Amino acid sequence: MTTPPWGYERADCTGDHALALFLDDMERVVEHYANLNGAQLDARVFQAQAAANKLLQAYAKNARRTTAFNDQFIEIKSFVNAAGQTQLVPIFSSGLKQALVRLLNRSNQTTRH
């Protein structure tokens, strides 16, 4: 089984599509560390934070025709859901959040036509 490439490695990592790829990759990072067996929660959050930082840097460096990733940050938080399971969630900086909301709004407008 081969691991799919990271979005920032793809030739189509441009503009709004780079943001969509970033969300997919961020989900991949969060799920990996949330489901990591044997590691203490603090260690998993620390590792997830480091991976999220590297991912954001890779997108800032490699994504074309967008500045959405420049000078932004992500904070990984943990919480216990209603089922008693620990989950990790990314908290996006305001600039990155605004870019993602614009992408969502454009996506919603496109699907309404």
N, C-alpha and C. Protein backbone atom coordinates (compact mmCIF):
# COMPACT_ATOMS: atom_id res chain seq x y z
N MET A 1 0.84 -1.17 0.00
CA MET A 1 0.00 0.00 0.00
C MET A 1 0.89 1.25 0.00
N THR A 2 0.63 2.15 -0.92
CA THR A 2 1.43 3.36 -1.00
C THR A 2 0.74 4.51 -0.29
N THR A 3 1.53 5.36 0.30
CA THR A 3 1.00 6.54 0.97
C THR A 3 0.75 7.61 -0.08
N PRO A 4 -0.43 8.23 -0.06
CA PRO A 4 -0.69 9.28 -1.05
C PRO A 4 0.25 10.46 -0.83
N PRO A 5 0.56 11.19 -1.90
CA PRO A 5 1.46 12.34 -1.74
C PRO A 5 0.79 13.44 -0.93
N TRP A 6 1.60 14.27 -0.34
CA TRP A 6 1.08 15.45 0.34
C TRP A 6 0.62 16.44 -0.72
N GLY A 7 -0.39 17.22 -0.38
CA GLY A 7 -0.94 18.17 -1.33
C GLY A 7 0.07 19.17 -1.84
N TYR A 8 0.98 19.61 -0.99
CA TYR A 8 1.97 20.61 -1.41
C TYR A 8 2.98 20.03 -2.41
N GLU A 9 3.02 18.72 -2.56
CA GLU A 9 3.90 18.06 -3.53
C GLU A 9 3.26 17.96 -4.91
N ARG A 10 1.99 18.22 -4.99
CA ARG A 10 1.25 18.04 -6.24
C ARG A 10 1.41 19.24 -7.16
N ALA A 11 1.36 18.98 -8.46
CA ALA A 11 1.48 20.05 -9.45
C ALA A 11 0.30 21.00 -9.41
N ASP A 12 -0.86 20.53 -8.95
CA ASP A 12 -2.06 21.38 -8.92
C ASP A 12 -2.23 22.11 -7.58
N CYS A 13 -1.16 22.26 -6.83
CA CYS A 13 -1.20 22.98 -5.54
C CYS A 13 -1.10 24.48 -5.82
N THR A 14 -2.20 25.04 -6.30
CA THR A 14 -2.24 26.45 -6.66
C THR A 14 -3.54 27.08 -6.18
N GLY A 15 -3.47 28.37 -5.86
CA GLY A 15 -4.66 29.14 -5.54
C GLY A 15 -5.55 28.48 -4.50
N ASP A 16 -6.85 28.56 -4.78
CA ASP A 16 -7.84 27.99 -3.85
C ASP A 16 -7.69 26.48 -3.70
N HIS A 17 -7.24 25.82 -4.76
CA HIS A 17 -7.09 24.36 -4.67
C HIS A 17 -6.02 24.00 -3.63
N ALA A 18 -5.02 24.85 -3.47
CA ALA A 18 -4.00 24.61 -2.44
C ALA A 18 -4.64 24.60 -1.05
N LEU A 19 -5.61 25.48 -0.84
CA LEU A 19 -6.31 25.51 0.46
C LEU A 19 -7.08 24.22 0.69
N ALA A 20 -7.74 23.72 -0.35
CA ALA A 20 -8.48 22.47 -0.23
C ALA A 20 -7.53 21.30 0.05
N LEU A 21 -6.41 21.27 -0.64
CA LEU A 21 -5.42 20.23 -0.39
C LEU A 21 -4.88 20.32 1.03
N PHE A 22 -4.66 21.54 1.50
CA PHE A 22 -4.17 21.76 2.85
C PHE A 22 -5.13 21.18 3.88
N LEU A 23 -6.43 21.42 3.69
CA LEU A 23 -7.42 20.87 4.63
C LEU A 23 -7.37 19.35 4.67
N ASP A 24 -7.24 18.73 3.50
CA ASP A 24 -7.13 17.27 3.45
C ASP A 24 -5.89 16.79 4.21
N ASP A 25 -4.77 17.48 3.98
CA ASP A 25 -3.53 17.08 4.65
C ASP A 25 -3.60 17.32 6.15
N MET A 26 -4.24 18.41 6.55
CA MET A 26 -4.36 18.70 7.99
C MET A 26 -5.21 17.62 8.67
N GLU A 27 -6.26 17.19 8.00
CA GLU A 27 -7.08 16.10 8.55
C GLU A 27 -6.24 14.83 8.70
N ARG A 28 -5.42 14.57 7.73
CA ARG A 28 -4.54 13.39 7.76
C ARG A 28 -3.60 13.45 8.96
N VAL A 29 -3.01 14.62 9.21
CA VAL A 29 -2.09 14.80 10.34
C VAL A 29 -2.83 14.60 11.67
N VAL A 30 -3.96 15.28 11.81
CA VAL A 30 -4.71 15.22 13.07
C VAL A 30 -5.18 13.80 13.36
N GLU A 31 -5.71 13.12 12.35
CA GLU A 31 -6.17 11.75 12.55
C GLU A 31 -5.03 10.82 12.93
N HIS A 32 -3.89 10.99 12.28
CA HIS A 32 -2.74 10.14 12.58
C HIS A 32 -2.35 10.24 14.06
N TYR A 33 -2.19 11.45 14.54
CA TYR A 33 -1.75 11.62 15.93
C TYR A 33 -2.86 11.37 16.94
N ALA A 34 -4.09 11.57 16.55
CA ALA A 34 -5.21 11.26 17.45
C ALA A 34 -5.31 9.75 17.68
N ASN A 35 -4.97 8.98 16.65
CA ASN A 35 -5.10 7.52 16.73
C ASN A 35 -3.79 6.81 17.05
N LEU A 36 -2.76 7.54 17.40
CA LEU A 36 -1.46 6.96 17.71
C LEU A 36 -1.55 6.21 19.03
N ASN A 37 -1.36 4.91 18.97
CA ASN A 37 -1.47 4.08 20.18
C ASN A 37 -0.17 4.09 20.96
N GLY A 38 -0.29 4.02 22.27
CA GLY A 38 0.87 3.87 23.12
C GLY A 38 1.52 5.16 23.58
N ALA A 39 1.20 6.27 22.95
CA ALA A 39 1.82 7.54 23.33
C ALA A 39 0.89 8.32 24.25
N GLN A 40 1.45 8.99 25.21
CA GLN A 40 0.67 9.84 26.10
C GLN A 40 0.05 10.99 25.31
N LEU A 41 -1.07 11.51 25.80
CA LEU A 41 -1.77 12.58 25.11
C LEU A 41 -0.88 13.80 24.90
N ASP A 42 -0.15 14.21 25.92
CA ASP A 42 0.72 15.38 25.77
C ASP A 42 1.74 15.18 24.66
N ALA A 43 2.28 13.98 24.56
CA ALA A 43 3.26 13.68 23.51
C ALA A 43 2.61 13.72 22.14
N ARG A 44 1.39 13.19 22.04
CA ARG A 44 0.69 13.20 20.75
C ARG A 44 0.37 14.62 20.31
N VAL A 45 -0.07 15.46 21.25
CA VAL A 45 -0.38 16.86 20.91
C VAL A 45 0.90 17.57 20.47
N PHE A 46 1.99 17.34 21.18
CA PHE A 46 3.27 17.95 20.83
C PHE A 46 3.71 17.53 19.43
N GLN A 47 3.61 16.23 19.14
CA GLN A 47 4.01 15.72 17.83
C GLN A 47 3.09 16.24 16.73
N ALA A 48 1.79 16.29 17.01
CA ALA A 48 0.84 16.82 16.03
C ALA A 48 1.11 18.29 15.76
N GLN A 49 1.45 19.04 16.80
CA GLN A 49 1.77 20.46 16.63
C GLN A 49 3.00 20.63 15.74
N ALA A 50 4.02 19.84 15.99
CA ALA A 50 5.23 19.91 15.17
C ALA A 50 4.92 19.56 13.71
N ALA A 51 4.11 18.54 13.50
CA ALA A 51 3.75 18.14 12.14
C ALA A 51 2.90 19.22 11.46
N ALA A 52 1.99 19.83 12.20
CA ALA A 52 1.16 20.91 11.64
C ALA A 52 2.02 22.11 11.26
N ASN A 53 3.00 22.44 12.09
CA ASN A 53 3.91 23.54 11.78
C ASN A 53 4.69 23.27 10.50
N LYS A 54 5.21 22.05 10.37
CA LYS A 54 5.96 21.67 9.16
C LYS A 54 5.06 21.70 7.94
N LEU A 55 3.83 21.23 8.09
CA LEU A 55 2.89 21.22 6.97
C LEU A 55 2.59 22.64 6.50
N LEU A 56 2.32 23.52 7.43
CA LEU A 56 2.03 24.91 7.08
C LEU A 56 3.23 25.56 6.39
N GLN A 57 4.44 25.29 6.88
CA GLN A 57 5.65 25.83 6.25
C GLN A 57 5.81 25.29 4.83
N ALA A 58 5.51 24.01 4.64
CA ALA A 58 5.63 23.42 3.31
C ALA A 58 4.65 24.06 2.34
N TYR A 59 3.43 24.33 2.80
CA TYR A 59 2.45 24.99 1.93
C TYR A 59 2.86 26.43 1.65
N ALA A 60 3.38 27.14 2.64
CA ALA A 60 3.82 28.52 2.43
C ALA A 60 4.94 28.57 1.39
N LYS A 61 5.78 27.55 1.39
CA LYS A 61 6.92 27.50 0.46
C LYS A 61 6.51 27.02 -0.93
N ASN A 62 5.60 26.05 -1.01
CA ASN A 62 5.35 25.36 -2.28
C ASN A 62 4.06 25.72 -2.99
N ALA A 63 3.05 26.21 -2.29
CA ALA A 63 1.78 26.54 -2.95
C ALA A 63 1.98 27.75 -3.85
N ARG A 64 1.42 27.68 -5.04
CA ARG A 64 1.57 28.76 -6.01
C ARG A 64 0.27 29.55 -6.13
N ARG A 65 0.41 30.81 -6.49
CA ARG A 65 -0.71 31.73 -6.72
C ARG A 65 -1.62 31.87 -5.50
N THR A 66 -1.02 31.86 -4.32
CA THR A 66 -1.75 32.15 -3.09
C THR A 66 -0.75 32.60 -2.02
N THR A 67 -1.20 33.50 -1.20
CA THR A 67 -0.40 33.93 -0.05
C THR A 67 -1.12 33.56 1.25
N ALA A 68 -2.11 32.71 1.15
CA ALA A 68 -2.95 32.36 2.30
C ALA A 68 -2.16 31.74 3.45
N PHE A 69 -1.02 31.14 3.16
CA PHE A 69 -0.27 30.43 4.19
C PHE A 69 0.85 31.28 4.82
N ASN A 70 1.14 32.41 4.20
CA ASN A 70 2.24 33.25 4.66
C ASN A 70 1.93 33.88 6.02
N ASP A 71 2.87 33.79 6.93
CA ASP A 71 2.78 34.40 8.26
C ASP A 71 1.56 33.94 9.05
N GLN A 72 1.15 32.71 8.87
CA GLN A 72 0.00 32.15 9.58
C GLN A 72 0.48 31.08 10.57
N PHE A 73 -0.44 30.63 11.41
CA PHE A 73 -0.08 29.59 12.37
C PHE A 73 -1.30 28.72 12.68
N ILE A 74 -1.02 27.58 13.26
CA ILE A 74 -2.04 26.62 13.68
C ILE A 74 -1.69 26.19 15.10
N GLU A 75 -2.71 26.05 15.92
CA GLU A 75 -2.51 25.53 17.27
C GLU A 75 -3.33 24.25 17.40
N ILE A 76 -2.69 23.17 17.80
CA ILE A 76 -3.38 21.90 17.99
C ILE A 76 -3.86 21.82 19.43
N LYS A 77 -5.14 21.52 19.59
CA LYS A 77 -5.75 21.39 20.92
C LYS A 77 -6.35 19.99 21.03
N SER A 78 -6.49 19.51 22.26
CA SER A 78 -7.16 18.23 22.49
C SER A 78 -8.41 18.48 23.31
N PHE A 79 -9.41 17.64 23.10
CA PHE A 79 -10.62 17.70 23.90
C PHE A 79 -11.25 16.31 23.92
N VAL A 80 -12.15 16.11 24.87
CA VAL A 80 -12.88 14.85 24.97
C VAL A 80 -14.28 15.09 24.44
N ASN A 81 -14.68 14.28 23.44
CA ASN A 81 -16.01 14.45 22.84
C ASN A 81 -17.09 13.80 23.71
N ALA A 82 -18.33 13.88 23.25
CA ALA A 82 -19.48 13.37 24.01
C ALA A 82 -19.39 11.86 24.26
N ALA A 83 -18.68 11.15 23.38
CA ALA A 83 -18.52 9.71 23.53
C ALA A 83 -17.35 9.35 24.45
N GLY A 84 -16.69 10.37 25.00
CA GLY A 84 -15.57 10.11 25.89
C GLY A 84 -14.25 9.85 25.18
N GLN A 85 -14.19 10.11 23.88
CA GLN A 85 -12.97 9.89 23.10
C GLN A 85 -12.19 11.20 23.00
N THR A 86 -10.89 11.09 23.11
CA THR A 86 -10.03 12.26 22.95
C THR A 86 -9.85 12.55 21.47
N GLN A 87 -10.02 13.81 21.11
CA GLN A 87 -9.83 14.23 19.72
C GLN A 87 -8.84 15.39 19.69
N LEU A 88 -8.14 15.50 18.58
CA LEU A 88 -7.25 16.62 18.34
C LEU A 88 -7.89 17.50 17.28
N VAL A 89 -7.82 18.80 17.48
CA VAL A 89 -8.40 19.73 16.51
C VAL A 89 -7.41 20.85 16.23
N PRO A 90 -7.34 21.28 14.96
CA PRO A 90 -6.49 22.42 14.63
C PRO A 90 -7.26 23.72 14.81
N ILE A 91 -6.63 24.69 15.44
CA ILE A 91 -7.18 26.03 15.57
C ILE A 91 -6.34 26.92 14.64
N PHE A 92 -6.99 27.50 13.63
CA PHE A 92 -6.28 28.27 12.61
C PHE A 92 -6.15 29.73 13.01
N SER A 93 -5.05 30.36 12.62
CA SER A 93 -4.89 31.80 12.82
C SER A 93 -5.97 32.53 12.03
N SER A 94 -6.22 33.78 12.38
CA SER A 94 -7.34 34.51 11.76
C SER A 94 -7.17 34.66 10.25
N GLY A 95 -5.96 34.93 9.78
CA GLY A 95 -5.75 35.08 8.34
C GLY A 95 -6.01 33.80 7.58
N LEU A 96 -5.55 32.69 8.11
CA LEU A 96 -5.77 31.39 7.47
C LEU A 96 -7.25 31.03 7.54
N LYS A 97 -7.87 31.30 8.66
CA LYS A 97 -9.30 31.04 8.81
C LYS A 97 -10.11 31.84 7.80
N GLN A 98 -9.77 33.10 7.60
CA GLN A 98 -10.48 33.94 6.62
C GLN A 98 -10.34 33.39 5.21
N ALA A 99 -9.15 32.93 4.85
CA ALA A 99 -8.93 32.34 3.53
C ALA A 99 -9.77 31.08 3.36
N LEU A 100 -9.85 30.26 4.39
CA LEU A 100 -10.63 29.03 4.33
C LEU A 100 -12.13 29.33 4.25
N VAL A 101 -12.59 30.35 4.97
CA VAL A 101 -14.00 30.74 4.91
C VAL A 101 -14.35 31.26 3.52
N ARG A 102 -13.46 32.06 2.93
CA ARG A 102 -13.70 32.54 1.55
C ARG A 102 -13.80 31.36 0.58
N LEU A 103 -12.93 30.38 0.76
CA LEU A 103 -12.99 29.18 -0.09
C LEU A 103 -14.32 28.47 0.09
N LEU A 104 -14.77 28.31 1.31
CA LEU A 104 -16.05 27.66 1.58
C LEU A 104 -17.20 28.44 0.97
N ASN A 105 -17.19 29.75 1.12
CA ASN A 105 -18.26 30.58 0.54
C ASN A 105 -18.30 30.47 -0.97
N ARG A 106 -17.12 30.49 -1.62
CA ARG A 106 -17.08 30.33 -3.08
C ARG A 106 -17.58 28.95 -3.48
N SER A 107 -17.23 27.94 -2.70
CA SER A 107 -17.67 26.58 -2.99
C SER A 107 -19.19 26.49 -2.88
N ASN A 108 -19.76 27.11 -1.86
CA ASN A 108 -21.21 27.09 -1.68
C ASN A 108 -21.92 27.83 -2.81
N GLN A 109 -21.36 28.93 -3.28
CA GLN A 109 -21.96 29.67 -4.39
C GLN A 109 -21.91 28.86 -5.67
N THR A 110 -20.84 28.14 -5.87
CA THR A 110 -20.69 27.32 -7.08
C THR A 110 -21.70 26.19 -7.10
N THR A 111 -21.97 25.57 -5.96
CA THR A 111 -22.87 24.42 -5.93
C THR A 111 -24.34 24.83 -6.01
N ARG A 112 -24.65 26.10 -5.78
CA ARG A 112 -26.04 26.55 -5.83
C ARG A 112 -26.52 26.80 -7.25
N HIS A 113 -25.63 26.95 -8.20
CA HIS A 113 -26.02 27.29 -9.57
C HIS A 113 -26.61 26.11 -10.28
